[in-house]
Protein backbone atom coordinates (compact mmCIF):
# COMPACT_ATOMS: atom_id res chain seq x y z
CA MET A 1 -8.92 9.01 11.83
CA ILE A 2 -11.37 10.11 9.79
CA PRO A 3 -15.14 8.52 10.42
CA LEU A 4 -14.26 9.78 14.56
CA LEU A 5 -13.75 12.88 13.30
CA PRO A 6 -17.24 14.78 13.98
CA ALA A 7 -17.96 12.00 17.76
CA ILE A 8 -14.20 14.01 18.63
CA VAL A 9 -15.59 17.78 17.18
CA GLN A 10 -18.54 16.82 19.69
CA GLN A 11 -17.62 15.03 23.23
CA TYR A 12 -13.46 17.34 23.40
CA GLY A 13 -15.49 20.15 21.39
CA ALA A 14 -13.22 19.85 18.39
CA SER A 15 -12.85 23.38 16.22
CA ASP A 16 -12.11 23.18 12.48
CA VAL A 17 -9.21 24.39 12.85
CA MET A 18 -8.24 22.02 15.84
CA VAL A 19 -9.80 19.17 13.48
CA GLY A 20 -7.10 19.91 10.42
CA ALA A 21 -4.48 19.06 13.25
CA LEU A 22 -5.74 16.03 14.50
CA LEU A 23 -4.38 14.50 10.48
CA SER A 24 -1.94 16.85 9.97
CA VAL A 25 -0.17 16.31 13.00
CA PRO A 26 1.40 12.49 12.76
CA ALA A 27 2.59 13.88 8.99
CA PHE A 28 4.33 16.16 10.74
CA CYS A 29 5.58 13.88 13.87
CA ALA A 30 6.44 11.00 10.89
CA MET A 31 8.57 13.79 8.64
CA LEU A 32 10.21 14.25 11.69
CA ALA A 33 10.79 11.22 12.31
CA ALA A 34 11.58 8.86 10.29
CA PRO A 35 15.64 9.68 8.76
CA VAL A 36 15.74 9.56 12.42
CA TRP A 37 14.46 5.66 12.20
CA GLY A 38 15.87 4.61 8.75
CA LYS A 39 19.26 5.63 10.35
CA LEU A 40 18.35 3.70 12.94
CA SER A 41 17.98 1.09 11.96
CA ASP A 42 20.65 0.75 9.72
CA ARG A 43 22.36 0.58 13.22
CA LEU A 44 20.88 -1.25 15.43
CA GLY A 45 18.68 -3.36 12.54
CA ARG A 46 15.53 -3.13 11.00
CA LYS A 47 13.14 -5.55 13.02
CA ASN A 48 14.65 -4.07 16.86
CA ILE A 49 13.49 -0.49 15.72
CA ILE A 50 10.43 -1.92 13.78
CA LEU A 51 9.69 -3.84 17.44
CA ILE A 52 9.99 0.11 18.51
CA ALA A 53 8.42 2.24 16.83
CA GLN A 54 4.86 -0.59 17.23
CA LEU A 55 4.75 -0.10 20.65
CA LEU A 56 4.66 3.40 20.41
CA THR A 57 1.98 3.05 17.89
CA LEU A 58 0.32 0.46 20.27
CA ALA A 59 0.62 3.34 22.89
CA GLY A 60 -0.65 5.80 21.00
CA TYR A 61 -4.03 3.49 20.43
CA LEU A 62 -4.55 3.14 24.17
CA LEU A 63 -3.67 6.84 25.71
CA GLN A 64 -6.43 8.17 22.34
CA ALA A 65 -8.99 5.00 23.43
CA THR A 66 -8.42 6.48 27.03
CA ALA A 67 -7.83 10.78 26.81
CA PRO A 68 -9.72 12.80 29.04
CA SER A 69 -8.84 15.15 26.70
CA LEU A 70 -8.46 16.76 22.91
CA LEU A 71 -4.86 17.77 24.37
CA TRP A 72 -4.70 14.22 25.26
CA ILE A 73 -5.65 13.50 22.33
CA PHE A 74 -2.48 15.62 20.75
CA ILE A 75 -0.48 13.93 22.20
CA SER A 76 -1.46 9.95 20.92
CA ARG A 77 -1.51 11.31 17.74
CA ILE A 78 2.01 12.86 18.10
CA ILE A 79 3.45 9.60 19.26
CA SER A 80 1.28 7.42 17.11
CA GLY A 81 2.84 10.21 14.05
CA CYS A 82 6.86 9.10 16.08
CA GLY A 83 5.37 5.38 15.47
CA GLY A 84 4.02 5.82 11.77
CA GLY A 85 7.56 7.11 11.06
CA ALA A 86 9.59 4.26 10.87
CA LEU A 87 8.45 2.94 7.66
CA GLY A 88 11.61 3.90 5.78
CA ALA A 89 12.91 0.81 7.70
CA VAL A 90 9.85 -1.56 7.01
CA GLN A 91 10.71 -0.87 2.77
CA SER A 92 14.37 -0.67 3.63
CA TYR A 93 13.47 -4.91 5.65
CA ILE A 94 11.19 -5.59 2.37
CA ALA A 95 15.11 -5.07 0.34
CA ASP A 96 16.85 -6.95 2.72
CA VAL A 97 14.37 -9.98 2.42
CA THR A 98 14.10 -10.25 -1.34
CA ARG A 99 16.48 -10.36 -5.20
CA GLU A 100 16.02 -7.80 -7.47
CA GLU A 101 13.76 -8.90 -9.77
CA GLN A 102 11.32 -10.22 -6.77
CA ARG A 103 11.49 -6.59 -5.15
CA ASP A 104 8.70 -5.36 -7.85
CA LEU A 105 6.42 -8.07 -6.72
CA ALA A 106 7.46 -7.50 -3.16
CA TYR A 107 6.55 -3.64 -3.21
CA SER A 108 3.73 -4.16 -4.94
CA LEU A 109 2.36 -6.69 -2.68
CA TYR A 110 2.94 -4.47 -0.14
CA GLY A 111 0.73 -1.45 -1.78
CA ALA A 112 -1.80 -2.84 -1.71
CA VAL A 113 -2.18 -3.81 1.32
CA PHE A 114 -1.10 -0.60 2.82
CA GLY A 115 -4.05 0.69 0.30
CA LEU A 116 -6.97 -1.92 1.20
CA SER A 117 -5.74 -1.07 4.91
CA PHE A 118 -7.41 2.61 3.49
CA ILE A 119 -10.18 1.59 2.78
CA VAL A 120 -11.03 -1.82 4.95
CA GLY A 121 -9.50 0.86 8.02
CA PRO A 122 -11.92 4.25 7.98
CA ALA A 123 -15.30 1.56 6.73
CA THR A 124 -14.72 -0.20 10.65
CA ALA A 125 -13.64 1.82 12.52
CA GLY A 126 -17.22 4.08 10.68
CA PHE A 127 -19.36 1.20 12.70
CA LEU A 128 -17.42 0.47 15.73
CA ILE A 129 -17.84 4.77 16.66
CA HIS A 130 -22.17 3.47 17.87
CA ARG A 131 -20.78 1.99 20.23
CA GLY A 132 -18.13 4.45 21.01
CA LEU A 133 -15.25 6.28 21.48
CA ALA A 134 -12.93 3.80 23.23
CA LEU A 135 -12.92 0.93 20.83
CA PRO A 136 -12.33 1.92 17.48
CA PHE A 137 -9.33 2.86 19.37
CA LEU A 138 -8.94 -0.53 21.32
CA ILE A 139 -9.26 -1.96 18.46
CA ALA A 140 -6.53 -0.60 16.85
CA ALA A 141 -4.97 -0.91 20.08
CA GLY A 142 -5.88 -5.22 19.09
CA ILE A 143 -4.86 -5.70 15.92
CA GLU A 144 -1.22 -3.44 17.33
CA VAL A 145 -0.70 -6.31 20.14
CA VAL A 146 -0.93 -8.90 17.36
CA THR A 147 1.49 -7.84 14.81
CA ILE A 148 4.07 -7.34 17.57
CA LEU A 149 4.19 -10.89 18.28
CA MET A 150 3.82 -11.74 14.54
CA THR A 151 7.29 -9.28 14.54
CA VAL A 152 8.52 -10.80 18.06
CA PHE A 153 8.32 -14.36 16.48
CA LEU A 154 7.90 -14.83 12.99
CA LEU A 155 10.21 -11.80 11.70
CA PRO A 156 13.72 -13.14 10.48
CA ALA A 157 16.99 -10.86 11.79
CA ARG A 158 18.04 -10.71 8.54
CA MET A 159 20.41 -8.10 8.62
CA GLY A 160 24.01 -9.13 8.48
CA ARG A 161 26.94 -6.26 8.95
CA ARG A 162 25.72 -3.67 10.42
CA SER A 163 26.75 0.07 9.21
CA ARG A 164 28.58 2.36 10.87
CA THR A 165 28.25 4.72 9.18
CA THR A 166 27.91 9.26 9.42
CA VAL A 167 24.36 10.71 9.27
CA ALA A 168 26.54 13.56 6.75
CA GLU A 169 27.90 10.27 5.07
CA SER A 170 23.31 9.57 4.44
CA LEU A 171 23.05 13.06 3.48
CA LYS A 172 25.91 12.61 1.24
CA ALA A 173 24.01 9.41 -0.61
CA ALA A 174 20.99 11.03 -0.61
CA ASN A 175 22.65 13.31 -3.01
CA VAL A 176 23.79 11.41 -5.00
CA PRO A 177 22.32 11.90 -9.14
CA ALA A 178 20.15 8.99 -9.76
CA VAL A 179 19.43 8.38 -5.93
CA ARG A 180 17.87 11.85 -6.24
CA ARG A 181 16.33 12.15 -9.40
CA VAL A 182 14.08 8.91 -7.56
CA LEU A 183 13.42 11.49 -4.31
CA ILE A 184 12.15 13.34 -6.25
CA ARG A 185 10.01 12.66 -8.36
CA GLN A 186 8.65 10.38 -4.97
CA PHE A 187 8.18 13.19 -3.11
CA LEU A 188 6.03 14.86 -7.12
CA ALA A 189 3.96 12.12 -7.09
CA ILE A 190 3.05 11.14 -3.52
CA PHE A 191 2.28 15.01 -4.05
CA ALA A 192 -0.44 14.58 -6.61
CA ILE A 193 -1.23 11.45 -4.63
CA VAL A 194 -2.15 13.22 -1.06
CA CYS A 195 -3.96 17.15 -3.47
CA PHE A 196 -5.90 15.11 -5.66
CA LEU A 197 -7.37 12.14 -3.22
CA ALA A 198 -7.99 14.25 0.88
CA ASN A 199 -10.06 16.76 -1.30
CA PHE A 200 -11.60 14.24 -3.46
CA ALA A 201 -15.14 14.47 -1.44
CA LEU A 202 -14.93 18.28 -1.86
CA TYR A 203 -15.03 17.84 -5.49
CA LEU A 204 -17.31 15.51 -6.35
CA HIS A 205 -19.02 17.34 -3.63
CA HIS A 206 -19.24 21.08 -5.85
CA VAL A 207 -18.99 19.47 -9.15
CA LEU A 208 -20.83 16.64 -9.64
CA HIS A 209 -22.92 16.96 -6.75
CA SER A 210 -22.27 13.39 -4.84
CA PRO A 211 -23.62 12.62 -2.66
CA VAL A 212 -22.02 11.06 0.73
CA GLN A 213 -22.33 7.30 -0.07
CA GLN A 214 -22.04 7.83 -3.19
CA VAL A 215 -18.38 8.57 -2.85
CA GLY A 216 -17.17 5.97 -0.81
CA TRP A 217 -18.49 3.82 -3.45
CA LEU A 218 -16.56 5.51 -6.06
CA LEU A 219 -13.40 5.37 -3.12
CA ALA A 220 -14.72 1.82 -3.36
CA MET A 221 -13.80 0.86 -6.33
CA ALA A 222 -10.49 2.91 -7.16
CA GLY A 223 -9.22 0.55 -4.58
CA ILE A 224 -10.57 -2.52 -5.72
CA VAL A 225 -8.82 -1.28 -9.56
CA GLY A 226 -5.90 0.27 -8.13
CA GLY A 227 -4.41 -3.10 -5.49
CA ALA A 228 -6.21 -5.19 -8.94
CA ALA A 229 -2.77 -3.11 -10.77
CA LEU A 230 -0.65 -3.80 -8.32
CA ILE A 231 -1.31 -7.15 -8.01
CA PHE A 232 -1.28 -7.98 -11.61
CA LEU A 233 -0.21 -5.94 -13.59
CA VAL A 234 2.96 -3.79 -11.64
CA SER A 235 5.40 -7.33 -11.30
CA PRO A 236 4.51 -8.77 -15.22
CA LEU A 237 4.85 -5.00 -16.66
CA ALA A 238 8.26 -4.08 -14.46
CA ALA A 239 9.40 -7.92 -15.33
CA ARG A 240 9.61 -7.59 -19.33
CA PHE A 241 9.92 -2.99 -18.85
CA GLY A 242 11.74 -2.93 -15.70
CA ASN A 243 11.08 0.03 -13.30
CA ARG A 244 12.10 2.97 -14.32
CA ARG A 245 9.53 3.00 -17.78
CA VAL A 246 6.57 1.01 -15.42
CA ALA A 247 7.24 3.89 -13.24
CA GLN A 248 6.63 6.69 -16.67
CA ILE A 249 3.71 4.82 -18.00
CA GLY A 250 2.11 5.44 -14.79
CA LEU A 251 3.00 8.46 -14.09
CA PHE A 252 2.01 9.67 -17.54
CA LEU A 253 -1.53 7.69 -17.03
CA SER A 254 -2.16 10.05 -13.74
CA PHE A 255 -0.98 12.98 -15.79
CA LEU A 256 -3.97 11.80 -18.49
CA ALA A 257 -6.22 11.28 -15.69
CA TYR A 258 -4.72 14.68 -13.00
CA GLY A 259 -5.27 17.12 -16.41
CA LEU A 260 -9.02 15.40 -17.99
CA LEU A 261 -10.32 16.91 -14.37
CA SER A 262 -11.49 19.56 -15.49
CA PHE A 263 -13.30 18.59 -18.56
CA VAL A 264 -15.25 16.04 -16.25
CA ASN A 265 -19.51 16.96 -15.68
CA GLU A 266 -20.44 12.77 -15.71
CA LEU A 267 -20.74 10.52 -13.57
CA LYS A 268 -19.96 8.12 -15.82
CA LEU A 269 -16.86 9.97 -17.21
CA PHE A 270 -15.51 10.55 -13.95
CA CYS A 271 -14.60 6.90 -13.29
CA VAL A 272 -12.88 6.37 -15.66
CA VAL A 273 -10.64 9.56 -14.82
CA LEU A 274 -10.74 7.38 -11.34
CA ALA A 275 -9.76 4.52 -13.05
CA ALA A 276 -7.50 6.04 -15.78
CA TRP A 277 -5.47 7.98 -11.93
CA ALA A 278 -6.36 4.10 -9.86
CA ILE A 279 -4.23 1.94 -11.84
CA GLY A 280 -1.24 5.50 -12.95
CA SER A 281 -0.51 5.90 -9.20
CA SER A 282 0.13 2.43 -8.67
CA LEU A 283 2.22 1.53 -11.45
CA VAL A 284 4.39 4.67 -9.52
CA GLU A 285 5.18 4.05 -5.58
CA PRO A 286 6.70 0.75 -5.96
CA THR A 287 8.38 0.57 -8.76
CA LEU A 288 10.19 4.68 -8.04
CA THR A 289 10.39 2.69 -3.96
CA ALA A 290 11.90 -0.26 -6.28
CA LEU A 291 15.05 1.85 -7.79
CA LEU A 292 14.75 4.17 -5.24
CA SER A 293 16.62 0.33 -2.71
CA VAL A 294 19.08 -0.56 -5.96
CA ARG A 295 20.56 2.29 -6.15
CA VAL A 296 21.76 2.62 -2.82
CA LYS A 297 24.07 0.96 -0.61
CA ARG A 298 22.40 -1.59 1.52
CA ALA A 299 24.86 -0.09 4.44
CA GLU A 300 22.89 3.66 3.14
CA ARG A 301 19.16 1.64 2.74
CA GLY A 302 17.68 2.09 6.18
CA ALA A 303 18.77 6.04 6.29
CA ILE A 304 17.71 6.81 2.23
CA MET A 305 13.82 4.79 2.24
CA GLY A 306 13.77 7.53 6.32
CA ILE A 307 14.32 10.49 4.13
CA SER A 308 12.34 9.20 1.33
CA ASP A 309 9.70 8.53 3.72
CA SER A 310 10.54 11.59 5.37
CA LEU A 311 9.68 13.62 1.93
CA ASN A 312 6.11 11.57 1.95
CA SER A 313 5.22 13.22 4.61
CA VAL A 314 6.02 15.81 3.41
CA ALA A 315 4.06 16.07 0.89
CA MET A 316 1.28 14.43 3.50
CA ILE A 317 0.85 17.72 4.74
CA LEU A 318 1.10 19.77 2.00
CA GLY A 319 -0.62 18.03 -0.50
CA PRO A 320 -4.31 18.82 1.09
CA ALA A 321 -3.78 22.32 1.93
CA THR A 322 -2.99 22.97 -1.33
CA GLY A 323 -5.94 21.24 -2.84
CA SER A 324 -8.46 22.71 -0.58
CA ALA A 325 -6.89 26.58 -1.04
CA ILE A 326 -7.88 24.80 -5.51
CA ILE A 327 -11.12 23.99 -4.77
CA GLY A 328 -11.98 26.90 -2.49
CA ALA A 329 -10.87 29.17 -5.84
CA ASN A 330 -11.79 27.18 -8.42
CA PRO A 331 -12.88 22.98 -7.86
CA ARG A 332 -12.37 22.13 -11.59
CA LEU A 333 -9.02 23.24 -11.57
CA LEU A 334 -8.05 20.42 -8.66
CA GLY A 335 -5.75 18.63 -11.59
CA VAL A 336 -3.90 21.13 -12.54
CA LEU A 337 -1.13 21.35 -9.38
CA PRO A 338 -1.30 17.82 -10.08
CA ALA A 339 -1.05 17.50 -13.48
CA PHE A 340 1.65 19.27 -13.46
CA ALA A 341 3.68 17.50 -10.81
CA ALA A 342 2.98 14.42 -12.23
CA LEU A 343 4.56 16.32 -15.69
CA VAL A 344 7.45 17.00 -13.70
CA ALA A 345 7.80 13.61 -11.97
CA PHE A 346 7.37 12.41 -15.35
CA VAL A 347 10.06 14.98 -17.79
CA LEU A 348 12.75 13.99 -14.82
CA GLY A 349 12.72 10.61 -15.70
CA ARG A 350 13.10 10.79 -19.00
CA ILE A 351 16.79 12.93 -18.51
CA PRO A 352 19.64 10.52 -19.02
CA LEU A 353 22.01 10.35 -15.38
CA PRO A 354 25.49 11.74 -15.84
CA GLU A 355 27.79 9.05 -16.50
CA GLY A 356 28.25 6.86 -13.21
CA ARG A 357 26.14 7.88 -11.56
């Protein structure tokens, strides 16, 4: 969507506020939908919920391709956002079909593919926009059809006995100290990442006066470094030191990277900081997700992963706005709040849990 925003402004006469809302609305809808999808996946099976969510996403893409007005663009984004809220069910499926010792590798590969999509997707949309606003959404819809067919014919329905637990029981499970702490640490880590990443271009523009093309190359570099770390570092480190320690290493690296943003005065130093940030972020996300998957009962896994996804959506709503406010006050201070969030998450990881919790 991001490369298509100028075309939407031109075609539909959208204001700056409306453009910002187009990015925030799906995250808000995903925040509301994620716990529901997660709980339903515990009761109805992961594959069924993943299929329903994919169909909603397909409907959203088709509606965006044919939208006659800005109102219908918003409606399509709401539908797509609700479909995107099923990532918790996807993460739960990964946990269902992997052994505990394989899980960090599985989540690392999942994160690498997810991160790569954030590079390839916008780049492809930017190329396709020259042939009309509808084409990128039609291509996305075609890809979604392929994924639906793959889900129907290739994805085994692996879940065993389905859960009959209540919503109250799921909330109680989420409030267990070991689970609650991982959820809080995930929220803080995602908030820090999004706060920085959403304002990446603005920071470079104000601090280093970087042209748009340079921003794109730097984002690609971060994606390559982060993807390599996800594939080649996370699993070996987790096998040797455990997910908890690897998450701590990632949080500490992230803290250093965010803190150094205030002292960047040349591109070379920024590249070093960016590489440290990409590696740190890559170490944190899959290991915390793997920790969460082993700290919850299988019957509650979908619900808890849904709550996690919902909290991540909250972070994705708050992070960009908070970062933009900091940029407006002093661009060099962009890393201060993310550094604080990473530090709090790190400290929480150092505090021993109560006995048996």
